[in-house]
Amino acid sequence: MDERYPCEDAGRSVKEDDVDERSRVLAATVIGAVAGGAWGWLYLTRNGRSFRSQIDPKLDDFIRELSNLRGTVEKARVAASEGWRSLNDVAAGGQGPQGRWSA
């Protein structure tokens, strides 16, 4: 234990707590101002509406690609699972349940 701070909670002074709180408030204010400004520009200006009309199809394409990626990942997961199951069957000496590839 540090001799300067006889109590564990005394390690931080009230001033440090105030600074941390002010920093959080300032950060939240700046983030809110930026988000509000971006929303205002996108929805209240001619250039913003033009920009939105340009990015809408690109966002739709992006969402479609994410959906395709999700399907591909699911297929790969199923294939890997089946591969592990087959490998375990072979490692067990073929004693496992009869699979669809058995003769």
PDB file of N, CA and C in Angstrom:
ATOM      1  N   MET A   1       0.852  -1.163   0.000  1.00  0.00           N
ATOM      2  CA  MET A   1       0.000   0.000   0.000  1.00  0.00           C
ATOM      3  C   MET A   1       0.902   1.230   0.000  1.00  0.00           C
ATOM      4  N   ASP A   2       0.565   2.221  -0.773  1.00  0.00           N
ATOM      5  CA  ASP A   2       1.343   3.446  -0.873  1.00  0.00           C
ATOM      6  C   ASP A   2       1.129   4.289   0.378  1.00  0.00           C
ATOM      7  N   GLU A   3       2.228   4.799   0.973  1.00  0.00           N
ATOM      8  CA  GLU A   3       2.116   5.586   2.199  1.00  0.00           C
ATOM      9  C   GLU A   3       1.380   6.902   1.979  1.00  0.00           C
ATOM     10  N   ARG A   4       1.421   7.441   0.778  1.00  0.00           N
ATOM     11  CA  ARG A   4       0.755   8.709   0.511  1.00  0.00           C
ATOM     12  C   ARG A   4      -0.750   8.553   0.502  1.00  0.00           C
ATOM     13  N   TYR A   5      -1.227   7.346   0.211  1.00  0.00           N
ATOM     14  CA  TYR A   5      -2.666   7.089   0.110  1.00  0.00           C
ATOM     15  C   TYR A   5      -3.030   5.974   1.072  1.00  0.00           C
ATOM     16  N   PRO A   6      -3.425   6.298   2.280  1.00  0.00           N
ATOM     17  CA  PRO A   6      -3.686   5.265   3.279  1.00  0.00           C
ATOM     18  C   PRO A   6      -4.879   4.390   2.933  1.00  0.00           C
ATOM     19  N   CYS A   7      -5.760   4.849   2.115  1.00  0.00           N
ATOM     20  CA  CYS A   7      -6.954   4.087   1.743  1.00  0.00           C
ATOM     21  C   CYS A   7      -6.875   3.784   0.255  1.00  0.00           C
ATOM     22  N   GLU A   8      -7.345   2.623  -0.180  1.00  0.00           N
ATOM     23  CA  GLU A   8      -7.287   2.265  -1.596  1.00  0.00           C
ATOM     24  C   GLU A   8      -8.038   3.264  -2.466  1.00  0.00           C
ATOM     25  N   ASP A   9      -9.209   3.706  -2.037  1.00  0.00           N
ATOM     26  CA  ASP A   9     -10.012   4.636  -2.814  1.00  0.00           C
ATOM     27  C   ASP A   9      -9.434   6.038  -2.812  1.00  0.00           C
ATOM     28  N   ALA A  10      -8.518   6.322  -1.916  1.00  0.00           N
ATOM     29  CA  ALA A  10      -7.936   7.655  -1.848  1.00  0.00           C
ATOM     30  C   ALA A  10      -6.881   7.859  -2.922  1.00  0.00           C
ATOM     31  N   GLY A  11      -6.592   6.858  -3.703  1.00  0.00           N
ATOM     32  CA  GLY A  11      -5.598   6.958  -4.771  1.00  0.00           C
ATOM     33  C   GLY A  11      -5.993   7.964  -5.828  1.00  0.00           C
ATOM     34  N   ARG A  12      -7.267   8.209  -5.993  1.00  0.00           N
ATOM     35  CA  ARG A  12      -7.744   9.183  -6.969  1.00  0.00           C
ATOM     36  C   ARG A  12      -8.378  10.338  -6.215  1.00  0.00           C
ATOM     37  N   SER A  13      -7.971  11.505  -6.569  1.00  0.00           N
ATOM     38  CA  SER A  13      -8.533  12.666  -5.885  1.00  0.00           C
ATOM     39  C   SER A  13      -9.850  13.048  -6.534  1.00  0.00           C
ATOM     40  N   VAL A  14     -10.571  13.913  -5.870  1.00  0.00           N
ATOM     41  CA  VAL A  14     -11.854  14.384  -6.389  1.00  0.00           C
ATOM     42  C   VAL A  14     -11.635  15.118  -7.702  1.00  0.00           C
ATOM     43  N   LYS A  15     -10.548  15.830  -7.823  1.00  0.00           N
ATOM     44  CA  LYS A  15     -10.263  16.578  -9.052  1.00  0.00           C
ATOM     45  C   LYS A  15     -10.085  15.636 -10.239  1.00  0.00           C
ATOM     46  N   GLU A  16      -9.413  14.516 -10.041  1.00  0.00           N
ATOM     47  CA  GLU A  16      -9.238  13.548 -11.122  1.00  0.00           C
ATOM     48  C   GLU A  16     -10.575  12.976 -11.561  1.00  0.00           C
ATOM     49  N   ASP A  17     -11.462  12.702 -10.622  1.00  0.00           N
ATOM     50  CA  ASP A  17     -12.785  12.198 -10.979  1.00  0.00           C
ATOM     51  C   ASP A  17     -13.568  13.225 -11.782  1.00  0.00           C
ATOM     52  N   ASP A  18     -13.451  14.504 -11.379  1.00  0.00           N
ATOM     53  CA  ASP A  18     -14.125  15.573 -12.119  1.00  0.00           C
ATOM     54  C   ASP A  18     -13.597  15.678 -13.537  1.00  0.00           C
ATOM     55  N   VAL A  19     -12.293  15.543 -13.699  1.00  0.00           N
ATOM     56  CA  VAL A  19     -11.691  15.616 -15.030  1.00  0.00           C
ATOM     57  C   VAL A  19     -12.181  14.459 -15.894  1.00  0.00           C
ATOM     58  N   ASP A  20     -12.215  13.251 -15.332  1.00  0.00           N
ATOM     59  CA  ASP A  20     -12.698  12.097 -16.085  1.00  0.00           C
ATOM     60  C   ASP A  20     -14.149  12.300 -16.513  1.00  0.00           C
ATOM     61  N   GLU A  21     -14.978  12.789 -15.605  1.00  0.00           N
ATOM     62  CA  GLU A  21     -16.388  13.011 -15.921  1.00  0.00           C
ATOM     63  C   GLU A  21     -16.528  14.090 -16.991  1.00  0.00           C
ATOM     64  N   ARG A  22     -15.763  15.147 -16.876  1.00  0.00           N
ATOM     65  CA  ARG A  22     -15.810  16.217 -17.882  1.00  0.00           C
ATOM     66  C   ARG A  22     -15.351  15.704 -19.236  1.00  0.00           C
ATOM     67  N   SER A  23     -14.335  14.855 -19.246  1.00  0.00           N
ATOM     68  CA  SER A  23     -13.848  14.284 -20.509  1.00  0.00           C
ATOM     69  C   SER A  23     -14.931  13.449 -21.169  1.00  0.00           C
ATOM     70  N   ARG A  24     -15.629  12.650 -20.393  1.00  0.00           N
ATOM     71  CA  ARG A  24     -16.713  11.829 -20.947  1.00  0.00           C
ATOM     72  C   ARG A  24     -17.831  12.701 -21.481  1.00  0.00           C
ATOM     73  N   VAL A  25     -18.175  13.750 -20.747  1.00  0.00           N
ATOM     74  CA  VAL A  25     -19.240  14.658 -21.200  1.00  0.00           C
ATOM     75  C   VAL A  25     -18.817  15.358 -22.478  1.00  0.00           C
ATOM     76  N   LEU A  26     -17.585  15.824 -22.530  1.00  0.00           N
ATOM     77  CA  LEU A  26     -17.086  16.495 -23.729  1.00  0.00           C
ATOM     78  C   LEU A  26     -17.072  15.549 -24.922  1.00  0.00           C
ATOM     79  N   ALA A  27     -16.613  14.320 -24.723  1.00  0.00           N
ATOM     80  CA  ALA A  27     -16.585  13.344 -25.814  1.00  0.00           C
ATOM     81  C   ALA A  27     -17.997  13.044 -26.311  1.00  0.00           C
ATOM     82  N   ALA A  28     -18.935  12.861 -25.397  1.00  0.00           N
ATOM     83  CA  ALA A  28     -20.321  12.589 -25.793  1.00  0.00           C
ATOM     84  C   ALA A  28     -20.910  13.780 -26.535  1.00  0.00           C
ATOM     85  N   THR A  29     -20.580  14.989 -26.099  1.00  0.00           N
ATOM     86  CA  THR A  29     -21.084  16.189 -26.760  1.00  0.00           C
ATOM     87  C   THR A  29     -20.533  16.298 -28.174  1.00  0.00           C
ATOM     88  N   VAL A  30     -19.248  16.047 -28.341  1.00  0.00           N
ATOM     89  CA  VAL A  30     -18.627  16.133 -29.667  1.00  0.00           C
ATOM     90  C   VAL A  30     -19.206  15.066 -30.590  1.00  0.00           C
ATOM     91  N   ILE A  31     -19.340  13.841 -30.093  1.00  0.00           N
ATOM     92  CA  ILE A  31     -19.899  12.761 -30.918  1.00  0.00           C
ATOM     93  C   ILE A  31     -21.337  13.083 -31.308  1.00  0.00           C
ATOM     94  N   GLY A  32     -22.122  13.585 -30.372  1.00  0.00           N
ATOM     95  CA  GLY A  32     -23.500  13.965 -30.670  1.00  0.00           C
ATOM     96  C   GLY A  32     -23.578  15.087 -31.683  1.00  0.00           C
ATOM     97  N   ALA A  33     -22.688  16.073 -31.573  1.00  0.00           N
ATOM     98  CA  ALA A  33     -22.681  17.186 -32.523  1.00  0.00           C
ATOM     99  C   ALA A  33     -22.311  16.719 -33.922  1.00  0.00           C
ATOM    100  N   VAL A  34     -21.327  15.845 -34.016  1.00  0.00           N
ATOM    101  CA  VAL A  34     -20.919  15.324 -35.321  1.00  0.00           C
ATOM    102  C   VAL A  34     -22.047  14.492 -35.933  1.00  0.00           C
ATOM    103  N   ALA A  35     -22.659  13.619 -35.134  1.00  0.00           N
ATOM    104  CA  ALA A  35     -23.759  12.789 -35.642  1.00  0.00           C
ATOM    105  C   ALA A  35     -24.934  13.667 -36.069  1.00  0.00           C
ATOM    106  N   GLY A  36     -25.267  14.670 -35.268  1.00  0.00           N
ATOM    107  CA  GLY A  36     -26.366  15.566 -35.618  1.00  0.00           C
ATOM    108  C   GLY A  36     -26.066  16.365 -36.870  1.00  0.00           C
ATOM    109  N   GLY A  37     -24.843  16.820 -37.001  1.00  0.00           N
ATOM    110  CA  GLY A  37     -24.450  17.557 -38.206  1.00  0.00           C
ATOM    111  C   GLY A  37     -24.527  16.684 -39.448  1.00  0.00           C
ATOM    112  N   ALA A  38     -24.050  15.442 -39.329  1.00  0.00           N
ATOM    113  CA  ALA A  38     -24.106  14.518 -40.467  1.00  0.00           C
ATOM    114  C   ALA A  38     -25.553  14.217 -40.844  1.00  0.00           C
ATOM    115  N   TRP A  39     -26.409  13.977 -39.848  1.00  0.00           N
ATOM    116  CA  TRP A  39     -27.823  13.714 -40.121  1.00  0.00           C
ATOM    117  C   TRP A  39     -28.469  14.921 -40.792  1.00  0.00           C
ATOM    118  N   GLY A  40     -28.190  16.104 -40.274  1.00  0.00           N
ATOM    119  CA  GLY A  40     -28.746  17.321 -40.856  1.00  0.00           C
ATOM    120  C   GLY A  40     -28.298  17.513 -42.286  1.00  0.00           C
ATOM    121  N   TRP A  41     -27.034  17.280 -42.568  1.00  0.00           N
ATOM    122  CA  TRP A  41     -26.532  17.433 -43.925  1.00  0.00           C
ATOM    123  C   TRP A  41     -27.173  16.414 -44.871  1.00  0.00           C
ATOM    124  N   LEU A  42     -27.279  15.153 -44.400  1.00  0.00           N
ATOM    125  CA  LEU A  42     -27.844  14.106 -45.254  1.00  0.00           C
ATOM    126  C   LEU A  42     -29.320  14.326 -45.550  1.00  0.00           C
ATOM    127  N   TYR A  43     -30.075  14.822 -44.582  1.00  0.00           N
ATOM    128  CA  TYR A  43     -31.521  14.889 -44.746  1.00  0.00           C
ATOM    129  C   TYR A  43     -32.065  16.288 -45.027  1.00  0.00           C
ATOM    130  N   LEU A  44     -31.275  17.319 -44.821  1.00  0.00           N
ATOM    131  CA  LEU A  44     -31.812  18.660 -44.961  1.00  0.00           C
ATOM    132  C   LEU A  44     -31.184  19.481 -46.083  1.00  0.00           C
ATOM    133  N   THR A  45     -30.181  18.949 -46.764  1.00  0.00           N
ATOM    134  CA  THR A  45     -29.554  19.695 -47.853  1.00  0.00           C
ATOM    135  C   THR A  45     -29.715  18.956 -49.171  1.00  0.00           C
ATOM    136  N   ARG A  46     -29.645  19.694 -50.242  1.00  0.00           N
ATOM    137  CA  ARG A  46     -29.756  19.101 -51.586  1.00  0.00           C
ATOM    138  C   ARG A  46     -28.585  18.152 -51.842  1.00  0.00           C
ATOM    139  N   ASN A  47     -27.381  18.573 -51.470  1.00  0.00           N
ATOM    140  CA  ASN A  47     -26.200  17.709 -51.657  1.00  0.00           C
ATOM    141  C   ASN A  47     -26.318  16.432 -50.829  1.00  0.00           C
ATOM    142  N   GLY A  48     -26.854  16.546 -49.627  1.00  0.00           N
ATOM    143  CA  GLY A  48     -27.037  15.368 -48.787  1.00  0.00           C
ATOM    144  C   GLY A  48     -28.028  14.392 -49.387  1.00  0.00           C
ATOM    145  N   ARG A  49     -29.135  14.916 -49.902  1.00  0.00           N
ATOM    146  CA  ARG A  49     -30.124  14.028 -50.546  1.00  0.00           C
ATOM    147  C   ARG A  49     -29.524  13.360 -51.779  1.00  0.00           C
ATOM    148  N   SER A  50     -28.728  14.120 -52.533  1.00  0.00           N
ATOM    149  CA  SER A  50     -28.067  13.549 -53.711  1.00  0.00           C
ATOM    150  C   SER A  50     -27.101  12.444 -53.288  1.00  0.00           C
ATOM    151  N   PHE A  51     -26.351  12.702 -52.240  1.00  0.00           N
ATOM    152  CA  PHE A  51     -25.412  11.699 -51.732  1.00  0.00           C
ATOM    153  C   PHE A  51     -26.138  10.447 -51.279  1.00  0.00           C
ATOM    154  N   ARG A  52     -27.262  10.626 -50.547  1.00  0.00           N
ATOM    155  CA  ARG A  52     -28.052   9.468 -50.099  1.00  0.00           C
ATOM    156  C   ARG A  52     -28.560   8.670 -51.284  1.00  0.00           C
ATOM    157  N   SER A  53     -29.015   9.351 -52.334  1.00  0.00           N
ATOM    158  CA  SER A  53     -29.533   8.615 -53.498  1.00  0.00           C
ATOM    159  C   SER A  53     -28.427   7.839 -54.196  1.00  0.00           C
ATOM    160  N   GLN A  54     -27.182   8.305 -54.062  1.00  0.00           N
ATOM    161  CA  GLN A  54     -26.056   7.581 -54.666  1.00  0.00           C
ATOM    162  C   GLN A  54     -25.631   6.391 -53.824  1.00  0.00           C
ATOM    163  N   ILE A  55     -25.716   6.522 -52.506  1.00  0.00           N
ATOM    164  CA  ILE A  55     -25.222   5.419 -51.669  1.00  0.00           C
ATOM    165  C   ILE A  55     -26.288   4.363 -51.388  1.00  0.00           C
ATOM    166  N   ASP A  56     -27.567   4.673 -51.574  1.00  0.00           N
ATOM    167  CA  ASP A  56     -28.610   3.681 -51.314  1.00  0.00           C
ATOM    168  C   ASP A  56     -28.407   2.392 -52.107  1.00  0.00           C
ATOM    169  N   PRO A  57     -28.188   2.458 -53.436  1.00  0.00           N
ATOM    170  CA  PRO A  57     -27.960   1.190 -54.166  1.00  0.00           C
ATOM    171  C   PRO A  57     -26.693   0.465 -53.702  1.00  0.00           C
ATOM    172  N   LYS A  58     -25.666   1.228 -53.351  1.00  0.00           N
ATOM    173  CA  LYS A  58     -24.421   0.598 -52.892  1.00  0.00           C
ATOM    174  C   LYS A  58     -24.634  -0.100 -51.556  1.00  0.00           C
ATOM    175  N   LEU A  59     -25.428   0.506 -50.688  1.00  0.00           N
ATOM    176  CA  LEU A  59     -25.737  -0.145 -49.411  1.00  0.00           C
ATOM    177  C   LEU A  59     -26.558  -1.415 -49.625  1.00  0.00           C
ATOM    178  N   ASP A  60     -27.497  -1.373 -50.563  1.00  0.00           N
ATOM    179  CA  ASP A  60     -28.272  -2.577 -50.879  1.00  0.00           C
ATOM    180  C   ASP A  60     -27.364  -3.688 -51.380  1.00  0.00           C
ATOM    181  N   ASP A  61     -26.400  -3.336 -52.257  1.00  0.00           N
ATOM    182  CA  ASP A  61     -25.445  -4.330 -52.752  1.00  0.00           C
ATOM    183  C   ASP A  61     -24.597  -4.882 -51.609  1.00  0.00           C
ATOM    184  N   PHE A  62     -24.183  -4.005 -50.719  1.00  0.00           N
ATOM    185  CA  PHE A  62     -23.364  -4.425 -49.583  1.00  0.00           C
ATOM    186  C   PHE A  62     -24.130  -5.395 -48.691  1.00  0.00           C
ATOM    187  N   ILE A  63     -25.395  -5.086 -48.434  1.00  0.00           N
ATOM    188  CA  ILE A  63     -26.224  -5.964 -47.601  1.00  0.00           C
ATOM    189  C   ILE A  63     -26.425  -7.312 -48.290  1.00  0.00           C
ATOM    190  N   ARG A  64     -26.633  -7.301 -49.589  1.00  0.00           N
ATOM    191  CA  ARG A  64     -26.786  -8.548 -50.344  1.00  0.00           C
ATOM    192  C   ARG A  64     -25.508  -9.383 -50.279  1.00  0.00           C
ATOM    193  N   GLU A  65     -24.355  -8.725 -50.396  1.00  0.00           N
ATOM    194  CA  GLU A  65     -23.075  -9.441 -50.320  1.00  0.00           C
ATOM    195  C   GLU A  65     -22.858 -10.029 -48.924  1.00  0.00           C
ATOM    196  N   LEU A  66     -23.246  -9.291 -47.899  1.00  0.00           N
ATOM    197  CA  LEU A  66     -23.135  -9.833 -46.540  1.00  0.00           C
ATOM    198  C   LEU A  66     -24.015 -11.066 -46.363  1.00  0.00           C
ATOM    199  N   SER A  67     -25.205 -11.022 -46.952  1.00  0.00           N
ATOM    200  CA  SER A  67     -26.100 -12.171 -46.875  1.00  0.00           C
ATOM    201  C   SER A  67     -25.490 -13.369 -47.606  1.00  0.00           C
ATOM    202  N   ASN A  68     -24.910 -13.123 -48.773  1.00  0.00           N
ATOM    203  CA  ASN A  68     -24.245 -14.204 -49.512  1.00  0.00           C
ATOM    204  C   ASN A  68     -23.069 -14.762 -48.719  1.00  0.00           C
ATOM    205  N   LEU A  69     -22.320 -13.868 -48.088  1.00  0.00           N
ATOM    206  CA  LEU A  69     -21.183 -14.304 -47.281  1.00  0.00           C
ATOM    207  C   LEU A  69     -21.653 -15.165 -46.119  1.00  0.00           C
ATOM    208  N   ARG A  70     -22.737 -14.768 -45.484  1.00  0.00           N
ATOM    209  CA  ARG A  70     -23.283 -15.550 -44.371  1.00  0.00           C
ATOM    210  C   ARG A  70     -23.655 -16.952 -44.844  1.00  0.00           C
ATOM    211  N   GLY A  71     -24.292 -17.050 -46.015  1.00  0.00           N
ATOM    212  CA  GLY A  71     -24.646 -18.358 -46.568  1.00  0.00           C
ATOM    213  C   GLY A  71     -23.417 -19.197 -46.873  1.00  0.00           C
ATOM    214  N   THR A  72     -22.393 -18.560 -47.417  1.00  0.00           N
ATOM    215  CA  THR A  72     -21.157 -19.270 -47.737  1.00  0.00           C
ATOM    216  C   THR A  72     -20.476 -19.776 -46.471  1.00  0.00           C
ATOM    217  N   VAL A  73     -20.444 -18.945 -45.448  1.00  0.00           N
ATOM    218  CA  VAL A  73     -19.832 -19.351 -44.181  1.00  0.00           C
ATOM    219  C   VAL A  73     -20.606 -20.521 -43.571  1.00  0.00           C
ATOM    220  N   GLU A  74     -21.924 -20.475 -43.661  1.00  0.00           N
ATOM    221  CA  GLU A  74     -22.734 -21.573 -43.123  1.00  0.00           C
ATOM    222  C   GLU A  74     -22.460 -22.876 -43.885  1.00  0.00           C
ATOM    223  N   LYS A  75     -22.352 -22.788 -45.218  1.00  0.00           N
ATOM    224  CA  LYS A  75     -22.029 -23.987 -46.010  1.00  0.00           C
ATOM    225  C   LYS A  75     -20.657 -24.531 -45.644  1.00  0.00           C
ATOM    226  N   ALA A  76     -19.692 -23.640 -45.456  1.00  0.00           N
ATOM    227  CA  ALA A  76     -18.346 -24.074 -45.078  1.00  0.00           C
ATOM    228  C   ALA A  76     -18.361 -24.713 -43.696  1.00  0.00           C
ATOM    229  N   ARG A  77     -19.163 -24.167 -42.780  1.00  0.00           N
ATOM    230  CA  ARG A  77     -19.260 -24.742 -41.435  1.00  0.00           C
ATOM    231  C   ARG A  77     -19.835 -26.148 -41.491  1.00  0.00           C
ATOM    232  N   VAL A  78     -20.876 -26.330 -42.307  1.00  0.00           N
ATOM    233  CA  VAL A  78     -21.489 -27.658 -42.442  1.00  0.00           C
ATOM    234  C   VAL A  78     -20.507 -28.634 -43.068  1.00  0.00           C
ATOM    235  N   ALA A  79     -19.780 -28.179 -44.110  1.00  0.00           N
ATOM    236  CA  ALA A  79     -18.804 -29.053 -44.767  1.00  0.00           C
ATOM    237  C   ALA A  79     -17.682 -29.430 -43.798  1.00  0.00           C
ATOM    238  N   ALA A  80     -17.209 -28.470 -43.004  1.00  0.00           N
ATOM    239  CA  ALA A  80     -16.149 -28.767 -42.038  1.00  0.00           C
ATOM    240  C   ALA A  80     -16.646 -29.745 -40.980  1.00  0.00           C
ATOM    241  N   SER A  81     -17.879 -29.558 -40.537  1.00  0.00           N
ATOM    242  CA  SER A  81     -18.447 -30.459 -39.540  1.00  0.00           C
ATOM    243  C   SER A  81     -18.546 -31.877 -40.095  1.00  0.00           C
ATOM    244  N   GLU A  82     -19.004 -31.992 -41.324  1.00  0.00           N
ATOM    245  CA  GLU A  82     -19.100 -33.312 -41.948  1.00  0.00           C
ATOM    246  C   GLU A  82     -17.723 -33.934 -42.139  1.00  0.00           C
ATOM    247  N   GLY A  83     -16.738 -33.089 -42.496  1.00  0.00           N
ATOM    248  CA  GLY A  83     -15.366 -33.582 -42.652  1.00  0.00           C
ATOM    249  C   GLY A  83     -14.813 -34.108 -41.347  1.00  0.00           C
ATOM    250  N   TRP A  84     -15.038 -33.374 -40.245  1.00  0.00           N
ATOM    251  CA  TRP A  84     -14.559 -33.830 -38.943  1.00  0.00           C
ATOM    252  C   TRP A  84     -15.250 -35.122 -38.539  1.00  0.00           C
ATOM    253  N   ARG A  85     -16.549 -35.201 -38.816  1.00  0.00           N
ATOM    254  CA  ARG A  85     -17.284 -36.422 -38.476  1.00  0.00           C
ATOM    255  C   ARG A  85     -16.721 -37.614 -39.251  1.00  0.00           C
ATOM    256  N   SER A  86     -16.443 -37.418 -40.540  1.00  0.00           N
ATOM    257  CA  SER A  86     -15.872 -38.505 -41.349  1.00  0.00           C
ATOM    258  C   SER A  86     -14.487 -38.882 -40.857  1.00  0.00           C
ATOM    259  N   LEU A  87     -13.687 -37.878 -40.520  1.00  0.00           N
ATOM    260  CA  LEU A  87     -12.343 -38.143 -40.017  1.00  0.00           C
ATOM    261  C   LEU A  87     -12.400 -38.915 -38.705  1.00  0.00           C
ATOM    262  N   ASN A  88     -13.318 -38.557 -37.831  1.00  0.00           N
ATOM    263  CA  ASN A  88     -13.475 -39.291 -36.573  1.00  0.00           C
ATOM    264  C   ASN A  88     -13.928 -40.724 -36.819  1.00  0.00           C
ATOM    265  N   ASP A  89     -14.808 -40.928 -37.810  1.00  0.00           N
ATOM    266  CA  ASP A  89     -15.234 -42.288 -38.149  1.00  0.00           C
ATOM    267  C   ASP A  89     -14.066 -43.119 -38.646  1.00  0.00           C
ATOM    268  N   VAL A  90     -13.220 -42.526 -39.495  1.00  0.00           N
ATOM    269  CA  VAL A  90     -12.058 -43.245 -40.019  1.00  0.00           C
ATOM    270  C   VAL A  90     -11.077 -43.535 -38.880  1.00  0.00           C
ATOM    271  N   ALA A  91     -10.875 -42.553 -38.008  1.00  0.00           N
ATOM    272  CA  ALA A  91      -9.943 -42.743 -36.896  1.00  0.00           C
ATOM    273  C   ALA A  91     -10.454 -43.803 -35.926  1.00  0.00           C
ATOM    274  N   ALA A  92     -11.768 -43.959 -35.831  1.00  0.00           N
ATOM    275  CA  ALA A  92     -12.346 -44.961 -34.935  1.00  0.00           C
ATOM    276  C   ALA A  92     -12.361 -46.338 -35.584  1.00  0.00           C
ATOM    277  N   GLY A  93     -11.806 -46.466 -36.743  1.00  0.00           N
ATOM    278  CA  GLY A  93     -11.724 -47.760 -37.408  1.00  0.00           C
ATOM    279  C   GLY A  93     -13.008 -48.134 -38.126  1.00  0.00           C
ATOM    280  N   GLY A  94     -13.768 -47.149 -38.489  1.00  0.00           N
ATOM    281  CA  GLY A  94     -14.998 -47.419 -39.232  1.00  0.00           C
ATOM    282  C   GLY A  94     -16.107 -47.981 -38.374  1.00  0.00           C
ATOM    283  N   GLN A  95     -15.985 -47.893 -37.067  1.00  0.00           N
ATOM    284  CA  GLN A  95     -16.988 -48.452 -36.174  1.00  0.00           C
ATOM    285  C   GLN A  95     -18.188 -47.529 -35.965  1.00  0.00           C
ATOM    286  N   GLY A  96     -18.089 -46.293 -36.501  1.00  0.00           N
ATOM    287  CA  GLY A  96     -19.152 -45.316 -36.288  1.00  0.00           C
ATOM    288  C   GLY A  96     -20.385 -45.653 -37.096  1.00  0.00           C
ATOM    289  N   PRO A  97     -21.394 -44.830 -37.030  1.00  0.00           N
ATOM    290  CA  PRO A  97     -22.631 -45.070 -37.787  1.00  0.00           C
ATOM    291  C   PRO A  97     -22.377 -45.008 -39.279  1.00  0.00           C
ATOM    292  N   GLN A  98     -23.185 -45.729 -40.020  1.00  0.00           N
ATOM    293  CA  GLN A  98     -23.027 -45.768 -41.472  1.00  0.00           C
ATOM    294  C   GLN A  98     -23.420 -44.411 -42.043  1.00  0.00           C
ATOM    295  N   GLY A  99     -22.474 -43.812 -42.770  1.00  0.00           N
ATOM    296  CA  GLY A  99     -22.718 -42.514 -43.381  1.00  0.00           C
ATOM    297  C   GLY A  99     -23.284 -42.658 -44.783  1.00  0.00           C
ATOM    298  N   ARG A 100     -23.505 -41.557 -45.419  1.00  0.00           N
ATOM    299  CA  ARG A 100     -24.074 -41.613 -46.774  1.00  0.00           C
ATOM    300  C   ARG A 100     -23.040 -42.076 -47.789  1.00  0.00           C
ATOM    301  N   TRP A 101     -21.757 -42.103 -47.445  1.00  0.00           N
ATOM    302  CA  TRP A 101     -20.725 -42.528 -48.382  1.00  0.00           C
ATOM    303  C   TRP A 101     -20.335 -43.981 -48.193  1.00  0.00           C
ATOM    304  N   SER A 102     -20.980 -44.668 -47.298  1.00  0.00           N
ATOM    305  CA  SER A 102     -20.608 -46.068 -47.050  1.00  0.00           C
ATOM    306  C   SER A 102     -21.163 -46.955 -48.148  1.00  0.00           C
ATOM    307  N   ALA A 103     -20.473 -48.058 -48.353  1.00  0.00           N
ATOM    308  CA  ALA A 103     -20.879 -48.993 -49.427  1.00  0.00           C
ATOM    309  C   ALA A 103     -21.847 -50.014 -48.913  1.00  0.00           C
TER     310      ALA A 103
END
